[in-house]
Amino acid sequence: MERNAREPVVLDLRGLSDVTDFFLIATGDSDTHARAISENVIDRMKQRGFRPVGVEGLPQARWVLMDYVGLIVHVFLGEVRDFYRLERLWGDAPAFQVE
Protein backbone atom coordinates (compact mmCIF):
# COMPACT_ATOMS: atom_id res chain seq x y z
CA MET A 1 0.00 0.00 0.00
CA GLU A 2 1.10 3.52 -0.66
CA ARG A 3 2.19 5.82 2.17
CA ASN A 4 3.89 2.89 3.93
CA ALA A 5 0.86 1.40 5.66
CA ARG A 6 1.79 -1.23 8.22
CA GLU A 7 0.65 -4.86 8.08
CA PRO A 8 -1.80 -4.57 5.17
CA VAL A 9 -3.95 -7.65 4.70
CA VAL A 10 -6.93 -8.55 2.52
CA LEU A 11 -9.68 -10.76 3.89
CA ASP A 12 -11.79 -12.62 1.32
CA LEU A 13 -15.32 -12.49 2.74
CA ARG A 14 -17.10 -13.94 -0.28
CA GLY A 15 -19.53 -16.54 0.98
CA LEU A 16 -19.13 -15.28 4.57
CA SER A 17 -20.71 -11.83 4.41
CA ASP A 18 -23.65 -10.30 2.59
CA VAL A 19 -22.23 -6.82 3.20
CA THR A 20 -19.03 -6.92 1.14
CA ASP A 21 -16.65 -9.26 -0.67
CA PHE A 22 -13.33 -8.02 0.72
CA PHE A 23 -11.82 -6.14 3.63
CA LEU A 24 -8.51 -4.38 3.18
CA ILE A 25 -7.06 -3.74 6.65
CA ALA A 26 -3.97 -1.64 7.34
CA THR A 27 -2.34 0.24 10.20
CA GLY A 28 -0.99 3.76 10.47
CA ASP A 29 1.64 4.84 13.00
CA SER A 30 -0.24 8.00 14.05
CA ASP A 31 -3.51 9.76 13.28
CA THR A 32 -1.67 11.90 10.72
CA HIS A 33 -0.21 8.78 9.09
CA ALA A 34 -3.58 6.97 9.07
CA ARG A 35 -5.25 10.04 7.54
CA ALA A 36 -2.55 10.27 4.83
CA ILE A 37 -2.96 6.57 4.01
CA SER A 38 -6.74 6.96 3.83
CA GLU A 39 -6.64 10.10 1.69
CA ASN A 40 -4.21 8.36 -0.66
CA VAL A 41 -6.57 5.36 -1.00
CA ILE A 42 -9.49 7.70 -1.76
CA ASP A 43 -7.43 9.65 -4.34
CA ARG A 44 -6.04 6.55 -6.08
CA MET A 45 -9.43 4.84 -6.19
CA LYS A 46 -10.98 8.05 -7.58
CA GLN A 47 -8.33 8.11 -10.34
CA ARG A 48 -9.50 4.63 -11.29
CA GLY A 49 -13.16 5.66 -11.37
CA PHE A 50 -14.23 4.39 -7.94
CA ARG A 51 -15.83 6.64 -5.35
CA PRO A 52 -16.68 5.48 -1.85
CA VAL A 53 -20.34 5.29 -0.91
CA GLY A 54 -19.25 6.33 2.57
CA VAL A 55 -16.22 7.38 4.56
CA GLU A 56 -16.19 7.40 8.34
CA GLY A 57 -13.59 8.43 10.88
CA LEU A 58 -11.34 10.51 8.62
CA PRO A 59 -11.16 13.63 10.84
CA GLN A 60 -9.95 11.71 13.91
CA ALA A 61 -8.22 8.97 11.87
CA ARG A 62 -8.16 6.40 14.68
CA TRP A 63 -10.22 4.02 12.52
CA VAL A 64 -11.03 5.17 9.01
CA LEU A 65 -13.57 3.12 7.09
CA MET A 66 -13.99 3.60 3.34
CA ASP A 67 -16.91 1.69 1.81
CA TYR A 68 -16.57 0.77 -1.86
CA VAL A 69 -19.44 -1.78 -1.63
CA GLY A 70 -17.48 -4.86 -2.78
CA LEU A 71 -14.45 -3.65 -0.85
CA ILE A 72 -14.32 -2.04 2.56
CA VAL A 73 -11.01 -0.45 3.50
CA HIS A 74 -10.12 -0.13 7.19
CA VAL A 75 -7.15 1.98 8.28
CA PHE A 76 -6.48 1.75 11.99
CA LEU A 77 -4.11 3.10 14.57
CA GLY A 78 -2.22 0.12 16.01
CA GLU A 79 -3.94 0.04 19.39
CA VAL A 80 -7.38 0.34 17.79
CA ARG A 81 -6.63 -2.50 15.36
CA ASP A 82 -5.39 -4.63 18.27
CA PHE A 83 -8.58 -3.90 20.21
CA TYR A 84 -11.07 -4.76 17.44
CA ARG A 85 -9.03 -7.60 15.88
CA LEU A 86 -11.06 -7.87 12.69
CA GLU A 87 -8.77 -10.58 11.36
CA ARG A 88 -9.68 -12.75 14.34
CA LEU A 89 -13.37 -11.81 14.20
CA TRP A 90 -13.40 -12.95 10.56
CA GLY A 91 -11.07 -15.88 11.25
CA ASP A 92 -12.84 -18.11 8.69
CA ALA A 93 -11.94 -15.72 5.88
CA PRO A 94 -8.89 -16.46 3.77
CA ALA A 95 -6.28 -13.75 4.38
CA PHE A 96 -3.72 -12.45 1.92
CA GLN A 97 -0.75 -10.24 2.78
CA VAL A 98 -0.38 -7.13 0.62
CA GLU A 99 3.05 -5.97 -0.43
PDB file of N, CA and C in Angstrom:
ATOM      1  N   MET A   1       0.848  -1.184   0.000  1.00  0.00           N
ATOM      2  CA  MET A   1       0.000   0.000   0.000  1.00  0.00           C
ATOM      3  C   MET A   1       0.886   1.237   0.000  1.00  0.00           C
ATOM      4  N   GLU A   2       0.382   2.252  -0.629  1.00  0.00           N
ATOM      5  CA  GLU A   2       1.097   3.521  -0.657  1.00  0.00           C
ATOM      6  C   GLU A   2       1.107   4.156   0.736  1.00  0.00           C
ATOM      7  N   ARG A   3       2.033   5.068   0.918  1.00  0.00           N
ATOM      8  CA  ARG A   3       2.191   5.818   2.166  1.00  0.00           C
ATOM      9  C   ARG A   3       2.668   4.923   3.310  1.00  0.00           C
ATOM     10  N   ASN A   4       3.263   3.776   2.954  1.00  0.00           N
ATOM     11  CA  ASN A   4       3.886   2.889   3.929  1.00  0.00           C
ATOM     12  C   ASN A   4       2.952   2.434   5.049  1.00  0.00           C
ATOM     13  N   ALA A   5       1.779   1.978   4.678  1.00  0.00           N
ATOM     14  CA  ALA A   5       0.862   1.403   5.658  1.00  0.00           C
ATOM     15  C   ALA A   5       1.511   0.171   6.267  1.00  0.00           C
ATOM     16  N   ARG A   6       1.220  -0.089   7.515  1.00  0.00           N
ATOM     17  CA  ARG A   6       1.786  -1.228   8.224  1.00  0.00           C
ATOM     18  C   ARG A   6       0.821  -2.414   8.184  1.00  0.00           C
ATOM     19  N   GLU A   7       1.378  -3.589   8.004  1.00  0.00           N
ATOM     20  CA  GLU A   7       0.650  -4.857   8.078  1.00  0.00           C
ATOM     21  C   GLU A   7      -0.638  -4.901   7.247  1.00  0.00           C
ATOM     22  N   PRO A   8      -0.574  -4.491   5.976  1.00  0.00           N
ATOM     23  CA  PRO A   8      -1.801  -4.569   5.169  1.00  0.00           C
ATOM     24  C   PRO A   8      -2.167  -6.022   4.875  1.00  0.00           C
ATOM     25  N   VAL A   9      -3.446  -6.301   4.967  1.00  0.00           N
ATOM     26  CA  VAL A   9      -3.949  -7.645   4.697  1.00  0.00           C
ATOM     27  C   VAL A   9      -5.322  -7.524   4.040  1.00  0.00           C
ATOM     28  N   VAL A  10      -5.616  -8.465   3.153  1.00  0.00           N
ATOM     29  CA  VAL A  10      -6.925  -8.548   2.516  1.00  0.00           C
ATOM     30  C   VAL A  10      -7.618  -9.790   3.045  1.00  0.00           C
ATOM     31  N   LEU A  11      -8.842  -9.634   3.487  1.00  0.00           N
ATOM     32  CA  LEU A  11      -9.681 -10.763   3.891  1.00  0.00           C
ATOM     33  C   LEU A  11     -10.716 -11.001   2.800  1.00  0.00           C
ATOM     34  N   ASP A  12     -10.814 -12.234   2.338  1.00  0.00           N
ATOM     35  CA  ASP A  12     -11.791 -12.623   1.320  1.00  0.00           C
ATOM     36  C   ASP A  12     -13.056 -13.072   2.042  1.00  0.00           C
ATOM     37  N   LEU A  13     -14.074 -12.228   2.009  1.00  0.00           N
ATOM     38  CA  LEU A  13     -15.321 -12.489   2.737  1.00  0.00           C
ATOM     39  C   LEU A  13     -16.415 -13.071   1.858  1.00  0.00           C
ATOM     40  N   ARG A  14     -16.077 -13.367   0.603  1.00  0.00           N
ATOM     41  CA  ARG A  14     -17.101 -13.942  -0.278  1.00  0.00           C
ATOM     42  C   ARG A  14     -17.605 -15.243   0.327  1.00  0.00           C
ATOM     43  N   GLY A  15     -18.916 -15.355   0.389  1.00  0.00           N
ATOM     44  CA  GLY A  15     -19.531 -16.537   0.980  1.00  0.00           C
ATOM     45  C   GLY A  15     -19.664 -16.455   2.497  1.00  0.00           C
ATOM     46  N   LEU A  16     -19.056 -15.453   3.116  1.00  0.00           N
ATOM     47  CA  LEU A  16     -19.130 -15.283   4.569  1.00  0.00           C
ATOM     48  C   LEU A  16     -19.923 -14.057   4.983  1.00  0.00           C
ATOM     49  N   SER A  17     -20.048 -13.088   4.084  1.00  0.00           N
ATOM     50  CA  SER A  17     -20.710 -11.828   4.415  1.00  0.00           C
ATOM     51  C   SER A  17     -21.603 -11.393   3.265  1.00  0.00           C
ATOM     52  N   ASP A  18     -22.764 -10.873   3.600  1.00  0.00           N
ATOM     53  CA  ASP A  18     -23.650 -10.302   2.592  1.00  0.00           C
ATOM     54  C   ASP A  18     -23.361  -8.815   2.397  1.00  0.00           C
ATOM     55  N   VAL A  19     -22.500  -8.256   3.221  1.00  0.00           N
ATOM     56  CA  VAL A  19     -22.232  -6.820   3.202  1.00  0.00           C
ATOM     57  C   VAL A  19     -21.182  -6.452   2.158  1.00  0.00           C
ATOM     58  N   THR A  20     -20.131  -7.234   2.048  1.00  0.00           N
ATOM     59  CA  THR A  20     -19.025  -6.922   1.139  1.00  0.00           C
ATOM     60  C   THR A  20     -18.291  -8.199   0.763  1.00  0.00           C
ATOM     61  N   ASP A  21     -17.450  -8.111  -0.239  1.00  0.00           N
ATOM     62  CA  ASP A  21     -16.650  -9.258  -0.669  1.00  0.00           C
ATOM     63  C   ASP A  21     -15.272  -9.287  -0.027  1.00  0.00           C
ATOM     64  N   PHE A  22     -14.695  -8.098   0.200  1.00  0.00           N
ATOM     65  CA  PHE A  22     -13.335  -8.024   0.715  1.00  0.00           C
ATOM     66  C   PHE A  22     -13.185  -6.919   1.752  1.00  0.00           C
ATOM     67  N   PHE A  23     -12.332  -7.167   2.724  1.00  0.00           N
ATOM     68  CA  PHE A  23     -11.822  -6.144   3.633  1.00  0.00           C
ATOM     69  C   PHE A  23     -10.350  -5.955   3.291  1.00  0.00           C
ATOM     70  N   LEU A  24      -9.924  -4.717   3.203  1.00  0.00           N
ATOM     71  CA  LEU A  24      -8.508  -4.382   3.184  1.00  0.00           C
ATOM     72  C   LEU A  24      -8.248  -3.691   4.515  1.00  0.00           C
ATOM     73  N   ILE A  25      -7.347  -4.247   5.306  1.00  0.00           N
ATOM     74  CA  ILE A  25      -7.058  -3.737   6.648  1.00  0.00           C
ATOM     75  C   ILE A  25      -5.595  -3.324   6.700  1.00  0.00           C
ATOM     76  N   ALA A  26      -5.345  -2.131   7.223  1.00  0.00           N
ATOM     77  CA  ALA A  26      -3.971  -1.636   7.337  1.00  0.00           C
ATOM     78  C   ALA A  26      -3.856  -0.780   8.594  1.00  0.00           C
ATOM     79  N   THR A  27      -2.618  -0.523   8.984  1.00  0.00           N
ATOM     80  CA  THR A  27      -2.342   0.238  10.200  1.00  0.00           C
ATOM     81  C   THR A  27      -1.484   1.446   9.874  1.00  0.00           C
ATOM     82  N   GLY A  28      -1.807   2.552  10.532  1.00  0.00           N
ATOM     83  CA  GLY A  28      -0.990   3.759  10.473  1.00  0.00           C
ATOM     84  C   GLY A  28      -0.303   3.966  11.809  1.00  0.00           C
ATOM     85  N   ASP A  29       0.857   4.623  11.784  1.00  0.00           N
ATOM     86  CA  ASP A  29       1.645   4.838  12.998  1.00  0.00           C
ATOM     87  C   ASP A  29       1.100   5.953  13.883  1.00  0.00           C
ATOM     88  N   SER A  30       0.325   6.857  13.310  1.00  0.00           N
ATOM     89  CA  SER A  30      -0.243   7.998  14.052  1.00  0.00           C
ATOM     90  C   SER A  30      -1.521   8.417  13.337  1.00  0.00           C
ATOM     91  N   ASP A  31      -2.293   9.310  13.957  1.00  0.00           N
ATOM     92  CA  ASP A  31      -3.511   9.761  13.285  1.00  0.00           C
ATOM     93  C   ASP A  31      -3.179  10.482  11.977  1.00  0.00           C
ATOM     94  N   THR A  32      -2.087  11.224  11.950  1.00  0.00           N
ATOM     95  CA  THR A  32      -1.665  11.898  10.720  1.00  0.00           C
ATOM     96  C   THR A  32      -1.308  10.888   9.647  1.00  0.00           C
ATOM     97  N   HIS A  33      -0.590   9.840  10.027  1.00  0.00           N
ATOM     98  CA  HIS A  33      -0.206   8.784   9.088  1.00  0.00           C
ATOM     99  C   HIS A  33      -1.442   8.047   8.577  1.00  0.00           C
ATOM    100  N   ALA A  34      -2.359   7.682   9.466  1.00  0.00           N
ATOM    101  CA  ALA A  34      -3.582   6.973   9.067  1.00  0.00           C
ATOM    102  C   ALA A  34      -4.422   7.835   8.130  1.00  0.00           C
ATOM    103  N   ARG A  35      -4.503   9.133   8.408  1.00  0.00           N
ATOM    104  CA  ARG A  35      -5.250  10.044   7.541  1.00  0.00           C
ATOM    105  C   ARG A  35      -4.595  10.115   6.152  1.00  0.00           C
ATOM    106  N   ALA A  36      -3.263  10.207   6.114  1.00  0.00           N
ATOM    107  CA  ALA A  36      -2.550  10.269   4.828  1.00  0.00           C
ATOM    108  C   ALA A  36      -2.760   8.984   4.024  1.00  0.00           C
ATOM    109  N   ILE A  37      -2.703   7.847   4.684  1.00  0.00           N
ATOM    110  CA  ILE A  37      -2.963   6.567   4.007  1.00  0.00           C
ATOM    111  C   ILE A  37      -4.372   6.575   3.427  1.00  0.00           C
ATOM    112  N   SER A  38      -5.337   6.968   4.237  1.00  0.00           N
ATOM    113  CA  SER A  38      -6.742   6.957   3.826  1.00  0.00           C
ATOM    114  C   SER A  38      -6.994   7.916   2.674  1.00  0.00           C
ATOM    115  N   GLU A  39      -6.461   9.124   2.767  1.00  0.00           N
ATOM    116  CA  GLU A  39      -6.642  10.096   1.686  1.00  0.00           C
ATOM    117  C   GLU A  39      -5.988   9.607   0.399  1.00  0.00           C
ATOM    118  N   ASN A  40      -4.868   8.924   0.508  1.00  0.00           N
ATOM    119  CA  ASN A  40      -4.212   8.363  -0.662  1.00  0.00           C
ATOM    120  C   ASN A  40      -5.071   7.267  -1.303  1.00  0.00           C
ATOM    121  N   VAL A  41      -5.670   6.405  -0.469  1.00  0.00           N
ATOM    122  CA  VAL A  41      -6.568   5.364  -0.998  1.00  0.00           C
ATOM    123  C   VAL A  41      -7.727   6.017  -1.743  1.00  0.00           C
ATOM    124  N   ILE A  42      -8.348   7.017  -1.130  1.00  0.00           N
ATOM    125  CA  ILE A  42      -9.485   7.701  -1.761  1.00  0.00           C
ATOM    126  C   ILE A  42      -9.061   8.325  -3.090  1.00  0.00           C
ATOM    127  N   ASP A  43      -7.914   9.002  -3.106  1.00  0.00           N
ATOM    128  CA  ASP A  43      -7.431   9.646  -4.336  1.00  0.00           C
ATOM    129  C   ASP A  43      -7.124   8.623  -5.425  1.00  0.00           C
ATOM    130  N   ARG A  44      -6.433   7.550  -5.070  1.00  0.00           N
ATOM    131  CA  ARG A  44      -6.038   6.553  -6.076  1.00  0.00           C
ATOM    132  C   ARG A  44      -7.264   5.795  -6.608  1.00  0.00           C
ATOM    133  N   MET A  45      -8.207   5.502  -5.731  1.00  0.00           N
ATOM    134  CA  MET A  45      -9.429   4.839  -6.194  1.00  0.00           C
ATOM    135  C   MET A  45     -10.225   5.777  -7.110  1.00  0.00           C
ATOM    136  N   LYS A  46     -10.275   7.060  -6.757  1.00  0.00           N
ATOM    137  CA  LYS A  46     -10.980   8.045  -7.581  1.00  0.00           C
ATOM    138  C   LYS A  46     -10.354   8.131  -8.972  1.00  0.00           C
ATOM    139  N   GLN A  47      -9.029   8.087  -9.053  1.00  0.00           N
ATOM    140  CA  GLN A  47      -8.330   8.112 -10.339  1.00  0.00           C
ATOM    141  C   GLN A  47      -8.724   6.919 -11.203  1.00  0.00           C
ATOM    142  N   ARG A  48      -9.108   5.833 -10.567  1.00  0.00           N
ATOM    143  CA  ARG A  48      -9.504   4.625 -11.295  1.00  0.00           C
ATOM    144  C   ARG A  48     -11.024   4.532 -11.500  1.00  0.00           C
ATOM    145  N   GLY A  49     -11.725   5.604 -11.123  1.00  0.00           N
ATOM    146  CA  GLY A  49     -13.162   5.658 -11.367  1.00  0.00           C
ATOM    147  C   GLY A  49     -14.036   5.138 -10.248  1.00  0.00           C
ATOM    148  N   PHE A  50     -13.468   4.900  -9.082  1.00  0.00           N
ATOM    149  CA  PHE A  50     -14.234   4.394  -7.942  1.00  0.00           C
ATOM    150  C   PHE A  50     -14.363   5.471  -6.874  1.00  0.00           C
ATOM    151  N   ARG A  51     -15.581   5.685  -6.433  1.00  0.00           N
ATOM    152  CA  ARG A  51     -15.833   6.640  -5.353  1.00  0.00           C
ATOM    153  C   ARG A  51     -16.475   5.883  -4.192  1.00  0.00           C
ATOM    154  N   PRO A  52     -16.070   6.184  -2.981  1.00  0.00           N
ATOM    155  CA  PRO A  52     -16.678   5.477  -1.852  1.00  0.00           C
ATOM    156  C   PRO A  52     -18.130   5.898  -1.662  1.00  0.00           C
ATOM    157  N   VAL A  53     -18.954   4.951  -1.242  1.00  0.00           N
ATOM    158  CA  VAL A  53     -20.340   5.291  -0.912  1.00  0.00           C
ATOM    159  C   VAL A  53     -20.401   5.896   0.486  1.00  0.00           C
ATOM    160  N   GLY A  54     -19.325   5.723   1.238  1.00  0.00           N
ATOM    161  CA  GLY A  54     -19.251   6.328   2.570  1.00  0.00           C
ATOM    162  C   GLY A  54     -17.833   6.287   3.096  1.00  0.00           C
ATOM    163  N   VAL A  55     -17.505   7.310   3.867  1.00  0.00           N
ATOM    164  CA  VAL A  55     -16.218   7.383   4.561  1.00  0.00           C
ATOM    165  C   VAL A  55     -16.519   7.811   5.987  1.00  0.00           C
ATOM    166  N   GLU A  56     -15.987   7.068   6.934  1.00  0.00           N
ATOM    167  CA  GLU A  56     -16.192   7.405   8.342  1.00  0.00           C
ATOM    168  C   GLU A  56     -14.859   7.463   9.060  1.00  0.00           C
ATOM    169  N   GLY A  57     -14.746   8.379  10.006  1.00  0.00           N
ATOM    170  CA  GLY A  57     -13.591   8.430  10.880  1.00  0.00           C
ATOM    171  C   GLY A  57     -12.399   9.206  10.359  1.00  0.00           C
ATOM    172  N   LEU A  58     -12.501   9.828   9.205  1.00  0.00           N
ATOM    173  CA  LEU A  58     -11.340  10.508   8.623  1.00  0.00           C
ATOM    174  C   LEU A  58     -10.836  11.675   9.481  1.00  0.00           C
ATOM    175  N   PRO A  59     -11.689  12.514  10.054  1.00  0.00           N
ATOM    176  CA  PRO A  59     -11.164  13.633  10.837  1.00  0.00           C
ATOM    177  C   PRO A  59     -10.292  13.190  12.033  1.00  0.00           C
ATOM    178  N   GLN A  60     -10.715  12.180  12.754  1.00  0.00           N
ATOM    179  CA  GLN A  60      -9.951  11.707  13.908  1.00  0.00           C
ATOM    180  C   GLN A  60      -8.867  10.717  13.496  1.00  0.00           C
ATOM    181  N   ALA A  61      -9.142   9.935  12.477  1.00  0.00           N
ATOM    182  CA  ALA A  61      -8.219   8.968  11.869  1.00  0.00           C
ATOM    183  C   ALA A  61      -7.696   7.929  12.848  1.00  0.00           C
ATOM    184  N   ARG A  62      -8.523   7.530  13.811  1.00  0.00           N
ATOM    185  CA  ARG A  62      -8.164   6.401  14.678  1.00  0.00           C
ATOM    186  C   ARG A  62      -8.575   5.100  13.997  1.00  0.00           C
ATOM    187  N   TRP A  63      -9.733   5.126  13.349  1.00  0.00           N
ATOM    188  CA  TRP A  63     -10.223   4.021  12.524  1.00  0.00           C
ATOM    189  C   TRP A  63     -10.963   4.664  11.366  1.00  0.00           C
ATOM    190  N   VAL A  64     -10.398   4.610  10.205  1.00  0.00           N
ATOM    191  CA  VAL A  64     -11.032   5.168   9.013  1.00  0.00           C
ATOM    192  C   VAL A  64     -11.607   4.013   8.216  1.00  0.00           C
ATOM    193  N   LEU A  65     -12.882   4.130   7.877  1.00  0.00           N
ATOM    194  CA  LEU A  65     -13.572   3.119   7.093  1.00  0.00           C
ATOM    195  C   LEU A  65     -14.000   3.753   5.778  1.00  0.00           C
ATOM    196  N   MET A  66     -13.605   3.137   4.670  1.00  0.00           N
ATOM    197  CA  MET A  66     -13.992   3.596   3.336  1.00  0.00           C
ATOM    198  C   MET A  66     -14.764   2.466   2.670  1.00  0.00           C
ATOM    199  N   ASP A  67     -16.019   2.723   2.346  1.00  0.00           N
ATOM    200  CA  ASP A  67     -16.907   1.692   1.807  1.00  0.00           C
ATOM    201  C   ASP A  67     -17.018   1.834   0.293  1.00  0.00           C
ATOM    202  N   TYR A  68     -16.482   0.834  -0.406  1.00  0.00           N
ATOM    203  CA  TYR A  68     -16.571   0.773  -1.861  1.00  0.00           C
ATOM    204  C   TYR A  68     -17.507  -0.368  -2.288  1.00  0.00           C
ATOM    205  N   VAL A  69     -18.436  -0.735  -1.460  1.00  0.00           N
ATOM    206  CA  VAL A  69     -19.445  -1.781  -1.633  1.00  0.00           C
ATOM    207  C   VAL A  69     -18.798  -3.162  -1.655  1.00  0.00           C
ATOM    208  N   GLY A  70     -18.122  -3.551  -2.712  1.00  0.00           N
ATOM    209  CA  GLY A  70     -17.477  -4.864  -2.778  1.00  0.00           C
ATOM    210  C   GLY A  70     -16.168  -4.927  -2.014  1.00  0.00           C
ATOM    211  N   LEU A  71     -15.690  -3.770  -1.610  1.00  0.00           N
ATOM    212  CA  LEU A  71     -14.447  -3.651  -0.847  1.00  0.00           C
ATOM    213  C   LEU A  71     -14.648  -2.618   0.247  1.00  0.00           C
ATOM    214  N   ILE A  72     -14.328  -2.994   1.461  1.00  0.00           N
ATOM    215  CA  ILE A  72     -14.318  -2.037   2.565  1.00  0.00           C
ATOM    216  C   ILE A  72     -12.892  -1.940   3.067  1.00  0.00           C
ATOM    217  N   VAL A  73     -12.372  -0.714   3.069  1.00  0.00           N
ATOM    218  CA  VAL A  73     -11.009  -0.452   3.504  1.00  0.00           C
ATOM    219  C   VAL A  73     -11.051   0.076   4.930  1.00  0.00           C
ATOM    220  N   HIS A  74     -10.247  -0.544   5.802  1.00  0.00           N
ATOM    221  CA  HIS A  74     -10.122  -0.125   7.195  1.00  0.00           C
ATOM    222  C   HIS A  74      -8.678   0.303   7.428  1.00  0.00           C
ATOM    223  N   VAL A  75      -8.475   1.519   7.884  1.00  0.00           N
ATOM    224  CA  VAL A  75      -7.147   1.978   8.275  1.00  0.00           C
ATOM    225  C   VAL A  75      -7.224   2.337   9.754  1.00  0.00           C
ATOM    226  N   PHE A  76      -6.441   1.625  10.543  1.00  0.00           N
ATOM    227  CA  PHE A  76      -6.479   1.748  11.994  1.00  0.00           C
ATOM    228  C   PHE A  76      -5.193   2.340  12.547  1.00  0.00           C
ATOM    229  N   LEU A  77      -5.284   2.930  13.723  1.00  0.00           N
ATOM    230  CA  LEU A  77      -4.112   3.101  14.572  1.00  0.00           C
ATOM    231  C   LEU A  77      -3.846   1.728  15.194  1.00  0.00           C
ATOM    232  N   GLY A  78      -2.599   1.443  15.518  1.00  0.00           N
ATOM    233  CA  GLY A  78      -2.222   0.117  16.010  1.00  0.00           C
ATOM    234  C   GLY A  78      -3.042  -0.372  17.179  1.00  0.00           C
ATOM    235  N   GLU A  79      -3.209   0.472  18.194  1.00  0.00           N
ATOM    236  CA  GLU A  79      -3.938   0.039  19.388  1.00  0.00           C
ATOM    237  C   GLU A  79      -5.415  -0.201  19.103  1.00  0.00           C
ATOM    238  N   VAL A  80      -5.975   0.533  18.154  1.00  0.00           N
ATOM    239  CA  VAL A  80      -7.383   0.336  17.785  1.00  0.00           C
ATOM    240  C   VAL A  80      -7.532  -0.973  17.005  1.00  0.00           C
ATOM    241  N   ARG A  81      -6.599  -1.234  16.097  1.00  0.00           N
ATOM    242  CA  ARG A  81      -6.628  -2.501  15.358  1.00  0.00           C
ATOM    243  C   ARG A  81      -6.471  -3.679  16.315  1.00  0.00           C
ATOM    244  N   ASP A  82      -5.578  -3.566  17.274  1.00  0.00           N
ATOM    245  CA  ASP A  82      -5.389  -4.629  18.266  1.00  0.00           C
ATOM    246  C   ASP A  82      -6.652  -4.855  19.092  1.00  0.00           C
ATOM    247  N   PHE A  83      -7.368  -3.782  19.402  1.00  0.00           N
ATOM    248  CA  PHE A  83      -8.581  -3.897  20.215  1.00  0.00           C
ATOM    249  C   PHE A  83      -9.707  -4.602  19.449  1.00  0.00           C
ATOM    250  N   TYR A  84      -9.945  -4.197  18.197  1.00  0.00           N
ATOM    251  CA  TYR A  84     -11.066  -4.757  17.437  1.00  0.00           C
ATOM    252  C   TYR A  84     -10.740  -6.085  16.761  1.00  0.00           C
ATOM    253  N   ARG A  85      -9.505  -6.335  16.434  1.00  0.00           N
ATOM    254  CA  ARG A  85      -9.033  -7.604  15.880  1.00  0.00           C
ATOM    255  C   ARG A  85      -9.956  -8.180  14.800  1.00  0.00           C
ATOM    256  N   LEU A  86     -10.178  -7.414  13.760  1.00  0.00           N
ATOM    257  CA  LEU A  86     -11.065  -7.869  12.687  1.00  0.00           C
ATOM    258  C   LEU A  86     -10.594  -9.165  12.050  1.00  0.00           C
ATOM    259  N   GLU A  87      -9.280  -9.338  11.946  1.00  0.00           N
ATOM    260  CA  GLU A  87      -8.769 -10.577  11.362  1.00  0.00           C
ATOM    261  C   GLU A  87      -9.209 -11.787  12.188  1.00  0.00           C
ATOM    262  N   ARG A  88      -9.235 -11.631  13.479  1.00  0.00           N
ATOM    263  CA  ARG A  88      -9.679 -12.746  14.336  1.00  0.00           C
ATOM    264  C   ARG A  88     -11.197 -12.900  14.285  1.00  0.00           C
ATOM    265  N   LEU A  89     -11.911 -11.777  14.281  1.00  0.00           N
ATOM    266  CA  LEU A  89     -13.373 -11.809  14.201  1.00  0.00           C
ATOM    267  C   LEU A  89     -13.827 -12.539  12.931  1.00  0.00           C
ATOM    268  N   TRP A  90     -13.108 -12.300  11.829  1.00  0.00           N
ATOM    269  CA  TRP A  90     -13.400 -12.947  10.556  1.00  0.00           C
ATOM    270  C   TRP A  90     -12.388 -14.058  10.298  1.00  0.00           C
ATOM    271  N   GLY A  91     -12.101 -14.847  11.312  1.00  0.00           N
ATOM    272  CA  GLY A  91     -11.075 -15.883  11.249  1.00  0.00           C
ATOM    273  C   GLY A  91     -11.298 -16.952  10.192  1.00  0.00           C
ATOM    274  N   ASP A  92     -12.546 -17.127   9.738  1.00  0.00           N
ATOM    275  CA  ASP A  92     -12.835 -18.109   8.695  1.00  0.00           C
ATOM    276  C   ASP A  92     -12.491 -17.609   7.299  1.00  0.00           C
ATOM    277  N   ALA A  93     -12.227 -16.306   7.178  1.00  0.00           N
ATOM    278  CA  ALA A  93     -11.945 -15.718   5.878  1.00  0.00           C
ATOM    279  C   ALA A  93     -10.495 -15.954   5.470  1.00  0.00           C
ATOM    280  N   PRO A  94     -10.276 -16.381   4.242  1.00  0.00           N
ATOM    281  CA  PRO A  94      -8.889 -16.463   3.767  1.00  0.00           C
ATOM    282  C   PRO A  94      -8.245 -15.079   3.815  1.00  0.00           C
ATOM    283  N   ALA A  95      -7.001 -15.022   4.255  1.00  0.00           N
ATOM    284  CA  ALA A  95      -6.284 -13.750   4.379  1.00  0.00           C
ATOM    285  C   ALA A  95      -5.078 -13.758   3.456  1.00  0.00           C
ATOM    286  N   PHE A  96      -4.826 -12.614   2.847  1.00  0.00           N
ATOM    287  CA  PHE A  96      -3.715 -12.450   1.918  1.00  0.00           C
ATOM    288  C   PHE A  96      -2.918 -11.217   2.314  1.00  0.00           C
ATOM    289  N   GLN A  97      -1.623 -11.367   2.484  1.00  0.00           N
ATOM    290  CA  GLN A  97      -0.747 -10.241   2.776  1.00  0.00           C
ATOM    291  C   GLN A  97      -0.598  -9.385   1.531  1.00  0.00           C
ATOM    292  N   VAL A  98      -0.544  -8.085   1.716  1.00  0.00           N
ATOM    293  CA  VAL A  98      -0.378  -7.135   0.616  1.00  0.00           C
ATOM    294  C   VAL A  98       1.026  -6.573   0.701  1.00  0.00           C
ATOM    295  N   GLU A  99       1.700  -6.526  -0.419  1.00  0.00           N
ATOM    296  CA  GLU A  99       3.052  -5.970  -0.433  1.00  0.00           C
ATOM    297  C   GLU A  99       3.061  -4.569  -0.957  1.00  0.00           C
TER     298      GLU A  99
END
